[in-house]
Amino acid sequence: MAKWVQEQVPLLLERHPNQKFLPTALFHEPNSFGEFLHRQLTHELQPQVRAKKVVLYNFEVTDQVEFADLMPQLWCR
């Protein structure tokens, strides 16, 4: 997943010269696998985040807050 995001950055900047960064939403469940995957992905994308080429929006999906509940926040960002 991290490699795919990293490959999208130059493509986005080439297609949309006014776009300065790739907005990326990370949805994860608060369980051991979801937390591990989220931390690992965030860690691997740190060089692009520091260079302000990728902006991560983190969303935790639970029984109380599902993907559909988060859509308004995602559209705003």
N, C-alpha and C. Protein backbone atom coordinates (compact mmCIF):
# COMPACT_ATOMS: atom_id res chain seq x y z
N MET A 1 0.82 -1.19 0.00
CA MET A 1 0.00 0.00 0.00
C MET A 1 0.86 1.25 0.00
N ALA A 2 1.92 1.24 0.81
CA ALA A 2 2.79 2.41 0.87
C ALA A 2 3.46 2.65 -0.49
N LYS A 3 3.89 1.59 -1.12
CA LYS A 3 4.53 1.73 -2.43
C LYS A 3 3.55 2.33 -3.44
N TRP A 4 2.31 1.88 -3.41
CA TRP A 4 1.31 2.40 -4.34
C TRP A 4 1.10 3.89 -4.12
N VAL A 5 0.98 4.31 -2.84
CA VAL A 5 0.79 5.73 -2.54
C VAL A 5 2.00 6.51 -3.03
N GLN A 6 3.20 6.01 -2.77
CA GLN A 6 4.42 6.69 -3.21
C GLN A 6 4.47 6.83 -4.73
N GLU A 7 3.98 5.84 -5.44
CA GLU A 7 3.98 5.90 -6.91
C GLU A 7 2.94 6.90 -7.43
N GLN A 8 1.90 7.16 -6.66
CA GLN A 8 0.85 8.07 -7.10
C GLN A 8 1.26 9.53 -7.02
N VAL A 9 2.21 9.86 -6.14
CA VAL A 9 2.61 11.26 -5.94
C VAL A 9 3.09 11.90 -7.24
N PRO A 10 4.10 11.35 -7.93
CA PRO A 10 4.54 12.02 -9.16
C PRO A 10 3.46 12.04 -10.24
N LEU A 11 2.63 11.00 -10.29
CA LEU A 11 1.56 10.97 -11.28
C LEU A 11 0.55 12.09 -11.03
N LEU A 12 0.19 12.28 -9.77
CA LEU A 12 -0.75 13.33 -9.43
C LEU A 12 -0.18 14.70 -9.77
N LEU A 13 1.07 14.93 -9.39
CA LEU A 13 1.68 16.23 -9.62
C LEU A 13 1.85 16.51 -11.11
N GLU A 14 2.05 15.47 -11.88
CA GLU A 14 2.18 15.63 -13.33
C GLU A 14 0.82 15.98 -13.95
N ARG A 15 -0.22 15.29 -13.53
CA ARG A 15 -1.56 15.50 -14.09
C ARG A 15 -2.21 16.79 -13.60
N HIS A 16 -1.90 17.16 -12.37
CA HIS A 16 -2.54 18.33 -11.74
C HIS A 16 -1.44 19.25 -11.19
N PRO A 17 -0.85 20.08 -12.01
CA PRO A 17 0.28 20.92 -11.57
C PRO A 17 -0.04 21.84 -10.39
N ASN A 18 -1.31 22.21 -10.22
CA ASN A 18 -1.68 23.09 -9.10
C ASN A 18 -1.80 22.34 -7.79
N GLN A 19 -1.92 21.02 -7.87
CA GLN A 19 -2.03 20.19 -6.66
C GLN A 19 -0.63 20.05 -6.06
N LYS A 20 -0.50 20.36 -4.79
CA LYS A 20 0.81 20.33 -4.13
C LYS A 20 1.08 19.05 -3.37
N PHE A 21 0.04 18.29 -3.06
CA PHE A 21 0.22 17.08 -2.27
C PHE A 21 -0.87 16.08 -2.61
N LEU A 22 -0.64 14.84 -2.24
CA LEU A 22 -1.61 13.76 -2.44
C LEU A 22 -2.36 13.54 -1.13
N PRO A 23 -3.64 13.91 -1.07
CA PRO A 23 -4.40 13.64 0.15
C PRO A 23 -4.72 12.14 0.22
N THR A 24 -4.44 11.54 1.37
CA THR A 24 -4.61 10.10 1.52
C THR A 24 -5.36 9.81 2.81
N ALA A 25 -6.51 9.16 2.69
CA ALA A 25 -7.29 8.79 3.86
C ALA A 25 -6.92 7.38 4.28
N LEU A 26 -6.62 7.20 5.56
CA LEU A 26 -6.32 5.89 6.11
C LEU A 26 -7.44 5.48 7.05
N PHE A 27 -8.19 4.48 6.65
CA PHE A 27 -9.26 3.95 7.49
C PHE A 27 -8.73 2.68 8.15
N HIS A 28 -8.90 2.58 9.45
CA HIS A 28 -8.45 1.36 10.12
C HIS A 28 -9.37 1.03 11.30
N GLU A 29 -9.41 -0.25 11.61
CA GLU A 29 -10.16 -0.71 12.77
C GLU A 29 -9.24 -0.71 13.98
N PRO A 30 -9.77 -0.38 15.16
CA PRO A 30 -8.95 -0.34 16.37
C PRO A 30 -8.73 -1.73 16.96
N ASN A 31 -8.14 -2.61 16.18
CA ASN A 31 -7.77 -3.93 16.69
C ASN A 31 -6.28 -4.12 16.43
N SER A 32 -5.73 -5.22 16.85
CA SER A 32 -4.28 -5.39 16.75
C SER A 32 -3.79 -5.32 15.31
N PHE A 33 -4.49 -5.96 14.38
CA PHE A 33 -4.05 -5.91 12.99
C PHE A 33 -4.23 -4.52 12.39
N GLY A 34 -5.38 -3.90 12.64
CA GLY A 34 -5.64 -2.57 12.10
C GLY A 34 -4.65 -1.54 12.61
N GLU A 35 -4.36 -1.60 13.90
CA GLU A 35 -3.39 -0.66 14.49
C GLU A 35 -1.98 -0.91 13.94
N PHE A 36 -1.59 -2.17 13.82
CA PHE A 36 -0.27 -2.49 13.28
C PHE A 36 -0.15 -1.99 11.84
N LEU A 37 -1.15 -2.28 11.03
CA LEU A 37 -1.12 -1.86 9.63
C LEU A 37 -1.08 -0.34 9.51
N HIS A 38 -1.86 0.33 10.32
CA HIS A 38 -1.89 1.79 10.32
C HIS A 38 -0.53 2.37 10.70
N ARG A 39 0.07 1.86 11.77
CA ARG A 39 1.39 2.36 12.20
C ARG A 39 2.46 2.09 11.15
N GLN A 40 2.43 0.89 10.56
CA GLN A 40 3.44 0.54 9.57
C GLN A 40 3.31 1.41 8.33
N LEU A 41 2.11 1.61 7.86
CA LEU A 41 1.88 2.43 6.68
C LEU A 41 2.29 3.88 6.94
N THR A 42 1.91 4.40 8.09
CA THR A 42 2.29 5.76 8.46
C THR A 42 3.81 5.89 8.53
N HIS A 43 4.47 4.89 9.10
CA HIS A 43 5.93 4.91 9.20
C HIS A 43 6.58 4.92 7.81
N GLU A 44 6.10 4.07 6.92
CA GLU A 44 6.71 3.98 5.59
C GLU A 44 6.45 5.22 4.74
N LEU A 45 5.42 5.97 5.05
CA LEU A 45 5.11 7.17 4.28
C LEU A 45 5.71 8.44 4.89
N GLN A 46 6.43 8.32 6.00
CA GLN A 46 6.98 9.50 6.66
C GLN A 46 7.85 10.37 5.76
N PRO A 47 8.72 9.83 4.90
CA PRO A 47 9.50 10.72 4.03
C PRO A 47 8.63 11.61 3.15
N GLN A 48 7.55 11.07 2.61
CA GLN A 48 6.66 11.86 1.77
C GLN A 48 5.83 12.84 2.60
N VAL A 49 5.49 12.45 3.82
CA VAL A 49 4.74 13.34 4.71
C VAL A 49 5.62 14.52 5.10
N ARG A 50 6.87 14.25 5.47
CA ARG A 50 7.80 15.32 5.85
C ARG A 50 8.07 16.26 4.69
N ALA A 51 8.13 15.72 3.48
CA ALA A 51 8.36 16.54 2.28
C ALA A 51 7.09 17.24 1.82
N LYS A 52 6.00 17.02 2.55
CA LYS A 52 4.69 17.61 2.25
C LYS A 52 4.20 17.24 0.85
N LYS A 53 4.51 16.02 0.45
CA LYS A 53 4.00 15.48 -0.81
C LYS A 53 2.78 14.61 -0.58
N VAL A 54 2.61 14.13 0.67
CA VAL A 54 1.46 13.31 1.06
C VAL A 54 0.91 13.87 2.36
N VAL A 55 -0.40 14.02 2.43
CA VAL A 55 -1.07 14.41 3.66
C VAL A 55 -1.97 13.26 4.05
N LEU A 56 -1.78 12.75 5.27
CA LEU A 56 -2.57 11.62 5.75
C LEU A 56 -3.73 12.10 6.61
N TYR A 57 -4.89 11.56 6.33
CA TYR A 57 -6.08 11.79 7.14
C TYR A 57 -6.43 10.45 7.76
N ASN A 58 -6.35 10.38 9.08
CA ASN A 58 -6.55 9.12 9.78
C ASN A 58 -7.97 9.01 10.32
N PHE A 59 -8.61 7.91 9.99
CA PHE A 59 -9.97 7.66 10.43
C PHE A 59 -10.05 6.28 11.06
N GLU A 60 -10.56 6.23 12.28
CA GLU A 60 -10.75 4.95 12.96
C GLU A 60 -12.19 4.51 12.76
N VAL A 61 -12.37 3.32 12.25
CA VAL A 61 -13.70 2.78 11.98
C VAL A 61 -14.06 1.80 13.08
N THR A 62 -15.17 2.05 13.75
CA THR A 62 -15.63 1.19 14.84
C THR A 62 -17.09 0.81 14.56
N ASP A 63 -17.69 0.04 15.46
CA ASP A 63 -19.11 -0.28 15.34
C ASP A 63 -19.96 0.98 15.44
N GLN A 64 -19.48 1.96 16.22
CA GLN A 64 -20.23 3.20 16.39
C GLN A 64 -20.00 4.19 15.25
N VAL A 65 -18.79 4.16 14.67
CA VAL A 65 -18.44 5.08 13.58
C VAL A 65 -18.01 4.25 12.38
N GLU A 66 -18.88 4.15 11.43
CA GLU A 66 -18.59 3.35 10.25
C GLU A 66 -18.12 4.23 9.11
N PHE A 67 -17.70 3.61 8.03
CA PHE A 67 -17.18 4.31 6.86
C PHE A 67 -18.16 5.39 6.39
N ALA A 68 -19.43 5.05 6.28
CA ALA A 68 -20.43 6.02 5.79
C ALA A 68 -20.53 7.23 6.71
N ASP A 69 -20.33 7.05 8.01
CA ASP A 69 -20.38 8.17 8.95
C ASP A 69 -19.21 9.13 8.74
N LEU A 70 -18.10 8.62 8.22
CA LEU A 70 -16.90 9.43 8.03
C LEU A 70 -16.87 10.16 6.70
N MET A 71 -17.74 9.82 5.79
CA MET A 71 -17.71 10.43 4.45
C MET A 71 -17.81 11.96 4.49
N PRO A 72 -18.68 12.58 5.30
CA PRO A 72 -18.72 14.05 5.31
C PRO A 72 -17.37 14.66 5.69
N GLN A 73 -16.68 14.06 6.66
CA GLN A 73 -15.36 14.57 7.05
C GLN A 73 -14.37 14.42 5.90
N LEU A 74 -14.43 13.30 5.23
CA LEU A 74 -13.52 13.05 4.12
C LEU A 74 -13.75 14.05 3.00
N TRP A 75 -14.99 14.32 2.67
CA TRP A 75 -15.28 15.29 1.60
C TRP A 75 -14.81 16.68 1.97
N CYS A 76 -14.90 17.04 3.24
CA CYS A 76 -14.46 18.38 3.67
C CYS A 76 -12.95 18.54 3.57
N ARG A 77 -12.23 17.45 3.71
CA ARG A 77 -10.78 17.55 3.68
C ARG A 77 -10.29 17.31 2.28
